[in-house]
Amino acid sequence: EAAQFMARQANVVLDVRHNMLMGVDDPAARTAGYTGLKDQFAETDDKGVALRGADGQPVYGKDYDLCLRTPASLEKLTEMRDQSLGQLRDLEAKTKGVYPDQAAKDADLAALEDAGYTRDALNYVLSLLNPGPAAPPPLPGDATPEQKQFQERLERQQAEFNRQQQEAGKGAQASTVRQFEGAQRVSWQKGVGKDIDTYLDAAKARGEAIPEFLITRPWIDPATQQPSTIPAFAVEALTEFDRTVMGMPTERAEIQRLQRLGPAGVQQRETNAARLRASYLTPILQRKVKELQDGLRQSQAGEADRQQKIAGVARIEPQSAGGGSQPVLTEAQLSEKARETAQKDPRWAAGDEEDRAAILMSARTRLKYGY
C-alpha cells in the first residue's frame, strides 16, 4: 500500500512539472499545469474526501492563490499595486503641504519612499507573471482633459489589439503542438500494432493454436456503439500497455522528458518506445493469448460434455481405417471445411456470435486433430 501511494504521488508531481514545462510552448498545457498544482491545495477530510464549501465548490488552502500564476493571482497583485499607487498619490499631495514640525514631515517622506518601493516591487512581479504587451506611454501630470480622453481611447484600442494578437498566437501555437503530438501518438500506436502482428505470426509459426476468430474480433467503438475495423485484441493490448508504462514513475518521467524535446527528440522517442515494447508489451501479449487459449479449451470441454449428455452415449474415440492416413488440409481448406461442418449443426441457426464461435472451433478441432 505504501509503494502504491508513493507511485501515485510521484506521478502527480511528474505530471504537474511536465505540464508546467510544456506550457512554455503549449498554451493548453498551461491550464493543465495550473489545475494540477491547484489540486494539491484542495482540502480533504480524514478519509481523503474533498471538502466543499456552502456554494458546493472545492475548499482550498488559504495560501494556494499565491502559488499559482493564474488570472486570479494577477488580479490580486494588480489590486495591491493600485492600492500602493493610491497611497503614493495621497502621500505626494500631503508632503507638499504645511507640517507642524519637521519630524512629522520626515515620517511622511519615509512613508512616501516606502510606497514607491512597494509600487516598483509589485510592478516588477506583475511584469514577470504577465510580460506583456505594449501600452501607450503615460501622460504627464498636467495633462489636459482632451489628452486624457485621447489616452483612454488609445489604451482601449491597444488592449483589444493585444488581446487579438495573444489569442491568435495561442491558437497557432496550440495547433502546431497538437499536430506534432498527434503524429507521435499515431507512431506509438503503429509500433504497438506492428509488434502485436509480429508476435502472433511467430506464435502461429511455432505451431501454437491461436483462436483466430477471437484475435480478429472487431472493437466496438464506444462513441458509436458500432463495430470498427480495429481488432478488440489490439485495442485491449494497447490500453494495458499504456496503463503499464505510464503507471511506472521512472518510465513516465522519461517519456515526459523526451516529449518536452519537441521535434528534436523524435528519434529518441522512437528508440525509447521500442525499448518499452520489448520490456512490457511482450509479457502482456503472452498472458492475453494464454487467457484466450485457456478460455477456448474450457469452452470446448463444456461443449463436449453437453454433446455427450444429449447423445446419451459414451464418447467413442476415432479409429484408424485400414492403417490409412487422412489427407492433410491447408489452413484455408481446414477453415472452409470447418465452417461447412459447423453450419450443419442444428444449433448454428439459433446461436449468437459466441455460440457459433464455439461450434466453429469445435468442428475445426475435430477435423484437425480427430477429436
Protein backbone atom coordinates (compact mmCIF):
# COMPACT_ATOMS: atom_id res chain seq x y z
CA GLU A 1 0.00 0.00 0.00
CA ALA A 2 2.87 2.38 0.83
CA ALA A 3 4.53 1.64 -2.51
CA GLN A 4 1.28 2.31 -4.38
CA PHE A 5 0.87 5.61 -2.53
CA MET A 6 4.42 6.66 -3.41
CA ALA A 7 3.88 5.75 -7.08
CA ARG A 8 0.64 7.76 -7.25
CA GLN A 9 2.20 10.81 -5.64
CA ALA A 10 5.27 10.57 -7.85
CA ASN A 11 3.09 10.50 -10.95
CA VAL A 12 1.11 13.53 -9.74
CA VAL A 13 4.29 15.54 -9.19
CA LEU A 14 5.68 14.43 -12.55
CA ASP A 15 2.52 15.49 -14.36
CA VAL A 16 2.46 18.95 -12.74
CA ARG A 17 6.13 19.51 -13.54
CA HIS A 18 5.73 18.19 -17.09
CA ASN A 19 2.72 20.37 -17.88
CA MET A 20 4.43 23.44 -16.46
CA LEU A 21 7.45 22.83 -18.69
CA MET A 22 5.30 22.01 -21.73
CA GLY A 23 3.34 25.19 -21.05
CA VAL A 24 6.32 27.23 -22.26
CA ASP A 25 5.31 26.29 -25.83
CA ASP A 26 1.81 24.86 -25.45
CA PRO A 27 -0.94 27.09 -24.03
CA ALA A 28 -3.19 24.06 -23.41
CA ALA A 29 -0.56 22.54 -21.13
CA ARG A 30 -0.53 25.70 -19.01
CA THR A 31 -4.13 25.17 -17.98
CA ALA A 32 -3.38 21.55 -17.09
CA GLY A 33 -0.35 22.68 -15.10
CA TYR A 34 -2.32 25.32 -13.18
CA THR A 35 -5.13 22.86 -12.45
CA GLY A 36 -2.76 20.12 -11.32
CA LEU A 37 -0.93 22.45 -8.96
CA LYS A 38 -4.15 23.92 -7.63
CA ASP A 39 -5.48 20.44 -6.87
CA GLN A 40 -2.59 19.91 -4.47
CA PHE A 41 -4.06 22.63 -2.24
CA ALA A 42 -7.55 21.10 -2.14
CA GLU A 43 -8.52 20.28 1.44
CA THR A 44 -9.88 16.85 2.35
CA ASP A 45 -11.28 15.13 5.41
CA ASP A 46 -9.52 12.34 7.32
CA LYS A 47 -10.77 9.83 4.74
CA GLY A 48 -9.35 11.74 1.79
CA VAL A 49 -12.72 13.01 0.56
CA ALA A 50 -12.57 16.52 -0.93
CA LEU A 51 -14.21 19.21 1.21
CA ARG A 52 -16.72 21.56 -0.38
CA GLY A 53 -17.99 24.94 0.78
CA ALA A 54 -21.56 26.15 1.12
CA ASP A 55 -21.55 27.02 -2.59
CA GLY A 56 -20.62 23.45 -3.50
CA GLN A 57 -17.17 24.44 -4.73
CA PRO A 58 -13.96 22.71 -3.54
CA VAL A 59 -12.26 24.21 -0.49
CA TYR A 60 -8.61 25.17 -0.98
CA GLY A 61 -5.89 26.11 1.44
CA LYS A 62 -5.78 29.86 2.07
CA ASP A 63 -2.27 30.19 0.64
CA TYR A 64 -2.78 28.38 -2.68
CA ASP A 65 -3.57 31.51 -4.71
CA LEU A 66 -0.13 32.96 -4.10
CA CYS A 67 1.44 29.83 -5.60
CA LEU A 68 -0.40 30.00 -8.91
CA ARG A 69 0.22 32.24 -11.85
CA THR A 70 -3.43 32.47 -12.72
CA PRO A 71 -5.65 35.41 -13.66
CA ALA A 72 -6.87 35.39 -10.04
CA SER A 73 -3.31 35.96 -8.81
CA LEU A 74 -2.68 38.66 -11.37
CA GLU A 75 -5.91 40.38 -10.38
CA LYS A 76 -4.97 40.27 -6.72
CA LEU A 77 -1.47 41.61 -7.32
CA THR A 78 -2.83 44.31 -9.61
CA GLU A 79 -5.24 45.37 -6.87
CA MET A 80 -2.37 45.58 -4.39
CA ARG A 81 -0.34 47.64 -6.87
CA ASP A 82 -3.26 50.01 -7.44
CA GLN A 83 -3.65 50.45 -3.69
CA SER A 84 0.03 51.35 -3.43
CA LEU A 85 -0.42 53.89 -6.24
CA GLY A 86 -3.32 55.50 -4.37
CA GLN A 87 -1.27 55.67 -1.19
CA LEU A 88 1.62 57.12 -3.18
CA ARG A 89 -0.56 59.88 -4.66
CA ASP A 90 -2.02 60.75 -1.26
CA LEU A 91 1.42 61.00 0.32
CA GLU A 92 2.80 63.06 -2.58
CA ALA A 93 -0.03 65.56 -2.13
CA LYS A 94 0.33 65.57 1.64
CA THR A 95 4.09 66.21 1.65
CA LYS A 96 3.54 69.35 -0.41
CA GLY A 97 1.53 70.84 2.45
CA VAL A 98 2.47 72.50 5.71
CA TYR A 99 3.56 70.42 8.73
CA PRO A 100 3.58 71.41 12.42
CA ASP A 101 7.17 70.19 12.71
CA GLN A 102 9.95 68.60 10.67
CA ALA A 103 9.60 65.20 12.38
CA ALA A 104 6.05 64.74 11.09
CA LYS A 105 7.13 65.67 7.59
CA ASP A 106 10.11 63.29 7.74
CA ALA A 107 7.79 60.47 8.75
CA ASP A 108 5.57 61.08 5.71
CA LEU A 109 8.57 61.38 3.42
CA ALA A 110 9.80 58.00 4.66
CA ALA A 111 6.34 56.52 4.08
CA LEU A 112 6.33 58.03 0.59
CA GLU A 113 9.66 56.37 -0.16
CA ASP A 114 8.36 53.01 1.12
CA ALA A 115 5.21 53.35 -1.02
CA GLY A 116 7.41 53.91 -4.06
CA TYR A 117 9.37 50.75 -3.30
CA THR A 118 6.14 48.80 -2.88
CA ARG A 119 4.80 50.07 -6.21
CA ASP A 120 8.04 49.19 -8.02
CA ALA A 121 8.19 45.73 -6.43
CA LEU A 122 4.61 44.89 -7.40
CA ASN A 123 5.14 46.22 -10.93
CA TYR A 124 8.21 44.01 -11.23
CA VAL A 125 6.36 40.90 -10.06
CA LEU A 126 3.48 41.65 -12.43
CA SER A 127 5.91 42.07 -15.32
CA LEU A 128 7.33 38.60 -14.60
CA LEU A 129 3.93 36.95 -14.33
CA ASN A 130 2.41 38.78 -17.28
CA PRO A 131 5.20 40.05 -19.52
CA GLY A 132 3.11 41.68 -21.86
CA PRO A 133 2.10 43.67 -24.40
CA ALA A 134 2.82 47.16 -25.47
CA ALA A 135 0.93 50.06 -23.93
CA PRO A 136 0.69 53.78 -24.69
CA PRO A 137 3.22 55.91 -22.76
CA PRO A 138 1.93 57.52 -19.56
CA LEU A 139 0.60 61.05 -19.63
CA PRO A 140 2.33 63.91 -17.79
CA GLY A 141 0.84 65.06 -14.52
CA ASP A 142 -0.58 68.25 -16.06
CA ALA A 143 -2.36 66.52 -18.98
CA THR A 144 -5.46 68.27 -20.32
CA PRO A 145 -8.92 66.62 -20.35
CA GLU A 146 -8.63 66.21 -24.12
CA GLN A 147 -5.28 64.40 -23.74
CA LYS A 148 -6.73 62.13 -21.07
CA GLN A 149 -9.72 61.28 -23.28
CA PHE A 150 -7.45 60.51 -26.21
CA GLN A 151 -5.21 58.42 -23.95
CA GLU A 152 -8.18 56.33 -22.80
CA ARG A 153 -9.16 55.65 -26.41
CA LEU A 154 -5.60 54.60 -27.24
CA GLU A 155 -5.49 52.27 -24.25
CA ARG A 156 -8.75 50.60 -25.27
CA GLN A 157 -7.52 50.10 -28.83
CA GLN A 158 -4.16 48.80 -27.65
CA ALA A 159 -5.81 46.39 -25.20
CA GLU A 160 -8.07 44.97 -27.94
CA PHE A 161 -5.14 44.62 -30.34
CA ASN A 162 -3.03 42.87 -27.69
CA ARG A 163 -5.89 40.50 -26.91
CA GLN A 164 -6.35 39.56 -30.56
CA GLN A 165 -2.62 39.06 -31.05
CA GLN A 166 -2.39 36.90 -27.95
CA GLU A 167 -5.35 34.72 -28.92
CA ALA A 168 -4.06 34.30 -32.47
CA GLY A 169 -0.61 33.36 -31.19
CA LYS A 170 -2.00 30.86 -28.71
CA GLY A 171 -4.24 29.28 -31.33
CA ALA A 172 -1.45 28.81 -33.88
CA GLN A 173 0.96 27.58 -31.22
CA ALA A 174 -1.51 25.11 -29.77
CA SER A 175 -2.43 23.84 -33.24
CA THR A 176 1.21 23.17 -34.08
CA VAL A 177 1.78 21.28 -30.83
CA ARG A 178 -1.43 19.24 -31.29
CA GLN A 179 -0.47 18.22 -34.82
CA PHE A 180 3.01 17.17 -33.78
CA GLU A 181 1.85 15.22 -30.73
CA GLY A 182 -0.96 13.63 -32.77
CA ALA A 183 1.61 12.32 -35.25
CA GLN A 184 3.73 10.99 -32.40
CA ARG A 185 0.73 9.18 -30.90
CA VAL A 186 -0.02 7.56 -34.27
CA SER A 187 3.62 6.44 -34.48
CA TRP A 188 3.37 4.96 -30.95
CA GLN A 189 0.19 3.05 -31.86
CA LYS A 190 1.62 1.78 -35.14
CA GLY A 191 4.67 0.47 -33.30
CA VAL A 192 2.46 -1.44 -30.88
CA GLY A 193 0.29 -2.80 -33.73
CA LYS A 194 3.32 -3.97 -35.68
CA ASP A 195 4.76 -5.77 -32.64
CA ILE A 196 1.38 -7.45 -32.00
CA ASP A 197 1.27 -8.77 -35.56
CA THR A 198 4.90 -9.96 -35.32
CA TYR A 199 4.22 -11.77 -32.06
CA LEU A 200 1.08 -13.52 -33.34
CA ASP A 201 2.76 -14.55 -36.61
CA ALA A 202 5.71 -16.02 -34.69
CA ALA A 203 3.35 -17.91 -32.36
CA LYS A 204 1.50 -19.41 -35.32
CA ALA A 205 4.81 -20.38 -36.94
CA ARG A 206 5.73 -22.25 -33.75
CA GLY A 207 2.53 -24.24 -34.08
CA GLU A 208 0.62 -22.59 -31.24
CA ALA A 209 -3.15 -22.81 -31.51
CA ILE A 210 -4.21 -19.18 -31.96
CA PRO A 211 -8.01 -18.70 -31.88
CA GLU A 212 -8.20 -16.53 -34.99
CA PHE A 213 -11.83 -15.56 -34.58
CA LEU A 214 -11.07 -14.16 -31.11
CA ILE A 215 -7.92 -12.36 -32.24
CA THR A 216 -9.76 -10.63 -35.09
CA ARG A 217 -12.99 -9.87 -33.19
CA PRO A 218 -13.78 -6.20 -34.02
CA TRP A 219 -13.52 -3.50 -31.38
CA ILE A 220 -16.83 -1.76 -30.61
CA ASP A 221 -16.37 2.00 -30.80
CA PRO A 222 -17.89 3.35 -27.52
CA ALA A 223 -18.82 6.62 -29.23
CA THR A 224 -20.94 5.00 -31.97
CA GLN A 225 -21.54 1.54 -30.45
CA GLN A 226 -20.66 0.16 -33.88
CA PRO A 227 -18.01 -2.44 -34.80
CA SER A 228 -14.81 -0.89 -36.11
CA THR A 229 -12.10 -2.24 -38.40
CA ILE A 230 -9.68 -2.44 -35.45
CA PRO A 231 -9.40 -5.79 -33.60
CA ALA A 232 -10.52 -5.60 -29.98
CA PHE A 233 -7.50 -7.72 -29.00
CA ALA A 234 -5.14 -4.99 -30.29
CA VAL A 235 -7.05 -2.18 -28.56
CA GLU A 236 -7.07 -4.03 -25.25
CA ALA A 237 -3.34 -4.80 -25.52
CA LEU A 238 -2.54 -1.15 -26.37
CA THR A 239 -4.65 0.12 -23.45
CA GLU A 240 -2.95 -2.21 -20.98
CA PHE A 241 0.48 -1.33 -22.36
CA ASP A 242 -0.21 2.41 -21.98
CA ARG A 243 -1.51 1.91 -18.45
CA THR A 244 1.52 -0.19 -17.50
CA VAL A 245 4.27 2.15 -18.68
CA MET A 246 2.54 5.34 -17.55
CA GLY A 247 1.91 3.81 -14.13
CA MET A 248 5.65 3.50 -13.51
CA PRO A 249 7.10 6.84 -12.34
CA THR A 250 10.56 6.24 -13.80
CA GLU A 251 9.20 5.36 -17.25
CA ARG A 252 6.63 8.15 -17.09
CA ALA A 253 9.37 10.68 -16.30
CA GLU A 254 11.47 9.55 -19.26
CA ILE A 255 8.50 9.68 -21.67
CA GLN A 256 7.68 13.20 -20.49
CA ARG A 257 11.31 14.32 -20.73
CA LEU A 258 11.53 13.21 -24.34
CA GLN A 259 8.18 14.80 -25.12
CA ARG A 260 9.49 18.16 -23.95
CA LEU A 261 12.30 17.96 -26.51
CA GLY A 262 9.72 18.50 -29.25
CA PRO A 263 10.72 17.70 -32.85
CA ALA A 264 14.38 17.40 -31.82
CA GLY A 265 13.53 14.34 -29.71
CA VAL A 266 11.63 12.28 -32.31
CA GLN A 267 14.39 9.70 -32.83
CA GLN A 268 14.95 9.33 -29.09
CA ARG A 269 11.20 8.84 -28.57
CA GLU A 270 11.12 6.07 -31.19
CA THR A 271 14.09 4.32 -29.60
CA ASN A 272 12.53 4.56 -26.15
CA ALA A 273 9.16 3.30 -27.45
CA ALA A 274 10.86 0.23 -28.96
CA ARG A 275 12.56 -0.45 -25.62
CA LEU A 276 9.27 -0.16 -23.74
CA ARG A 277 7.51 -2.53 -26.15
CA ALA A 278 10.27 -5.11 -25.78
CA SER A 279 10.17 -4.85 -21.98
CA TYR A 280 6.43 -4.61 -21.29
CA LEU A 281 4.33 -5.41 -24.37
CA THR A 282 5.57 -8.97 -24.97
CA PRO A 283 4.59 -10.24 -21.48
CA ILE A 284 1.16 -8.65 -21.93
CA LEU A 285 0.67 -10.47 -25.25
CA GLN A 286 1.85 -13.78 -23.80
CA ARG A 287 -0.67 -13.54 -20.97
CA LYS A 288 -3.57 -12.38 -23.15
CA VAL A 289 -3.05 -15.16 -25.73
CA LYS A 290 -2.84 -17.75 -22.96
CA GLU A 291 -6.09 -16.42 -21.47
CA LEU A 292 -7.80 -16.80 -24.85
CA GLN A 293 -6.44 -20.31 -25.31
CA ASP A 294 -7.47 -21.39 -21.81
CA GLY A 295 -10.92 -19.93 -22.29
CA LEU A 296 -11.31 -21.75 -25.58
CA ARG A 297 -10.27 -25.08 -24.07
CA GLN A 298 -12.81 -24.66 -21.29
CA SER A 299 -15.49 -23.78 -23.86
CA GLN A 300 -14.66 -26.85 -25.93
CA ALA A 301 -14.68 -29.11 -22.86
CA GLY A 302 -18.08 -27.78 -21.87
CA GLU A 303 -19.36 -28.29 -25.41
CA ALA A 304 -18.12 -31.88 -25.46
CA ASP A 305 -19.86 -32.60 -22.16
CA ARG A 306 -23.12 -31.13 -23.43
CA GLN A 307 -22.94 -33.19 -26.62
CA GLN A 308 -22.31 -36.35 -24.68
CA LYS A 309 -25.29 -35.73 -22.41
CA ILE A 310 -27.52 -35.00 -25.39
CA ALA A 311 -26.47 -38.13 -27.23
CA GLY A 312 -26.77 -40.23 -24.08
CA VAL A 313 -23.86 -42.38 -25.17
CA ALA A 314 -20.26 -42.68 -24.14
CA ARG A 315 -17.66 -40.87 -26.14
CA ILE A 316 -16.17 -43.02 -28.89
CA GLU A 317 -12.59 -42.36 -29.86
CA PRO A 318 -11.90 -42.22 -33.60
CA GLN A 319 -10.38 -45.37 -35.09
CA SER A 320 -8.00 -45.54 -37.98
CA ALA A 321 -9.35 -47.20 -41.08
CA GLY A 322 -7.16 -49.92 -42.59
CA GLY A 323 -4.00 -48.22 -41.43
CA GLY A 324 -4.53 -45.40 -43.94
CA SER A 325 -3.96 -41.74 -43.15
CA GLN A 326 -6.31 -38.77 -43.53
CA PRO A 327 -5.38 -36.25 -46.22
CA VAL A 328 -3.57 -33.17 -44.90
CA LEU A 329 -5.61 -29.98 -45.36
CA THR A 330 -4.19 -26.50 -45.75
CA GLU A 331 -5.28 -23.86 -43.21
CA ALA A 332 -7.63 -22.30 -45.77
CA GLN A 333 -9.15 -25.68 -46.63
CA LEU A 334 -9.46 -26.55 -42.97
CA SER A 335 -11.26 -23.27 -42.21
CA GLU A 336 -13.66 -23.74 -45.12
CA LYS A 337 -14.40 -27.36 -44.19
CA ALA A 338 -14.89 -26.44 -40.52
CA ARG A 339 -17.39 -23.73 -41.44
CA GLU A 340 -19.35 -26.14 -43.68
CA THR A 341 -19.46 -28.66 -40.85
CA ALA A 342 -20.42 -26.08 -38.23
CA GLN A 343 -23.26 -24.67 -40.34
CA LYS A 344 -24.83 -28.13 -40.47
CA ASP A 345 -25.06 -28.22 -36.69
CA PRO A 346 -28.71 -27.71 -35.59
CA ARG A 347 -27.64 -25.10 -33.03
CA TRP A 348 -25.92 -22.87 -35.60
CA ALA A 349 -29.03 -21.05 -36.85
CA ALA A 350 -30.29 -20.13 -33.37
CA GLY A 351 -26.89 -19.42 -31.81
CA ASP A 352 -25.37 -15.99 -31.13
CA GLU A 353 -21.85 -14.94 -32.11
CA GLU A 354 -20.25 -16.62 -29.11
CA ASP A 355 -22.18 -19.87 -29.62
CA ARG A 356 -21.26 -20.01 -33.28
CA ALA A 357 -17.61 -19.33 -32.46
CA ALA A 358 -17.59 -22.31 -30.08
CA ILE A 359 -19.32 -24.57 -32.64
CA LEU A 360 -16.87 -23.48 -35.35
CA MET A 361 -13.82 -24.08 -33.21
CA SER A 362 -15.14 -27.46 -32.09
CA ALA A 363 -15.64 -28.52 -35.73
CA ARG A 364 -12.19 -27.25 -36.67
CA THR A 365 -10.57 -29.13 -33.80
CA ARG A 366 -12.32 -32.39 -34.71
CA LEU A 367 -11.23 -32.07 -38.32
CA LYS A 368 -7.62 -31.20 -37.49
CA TYR A 369 -6.93 -33.46 -34.56
CA GLY A 370 -9.58 -36.18 -34.90
CA TYR A 371 -11.42 -35.49 -31.64
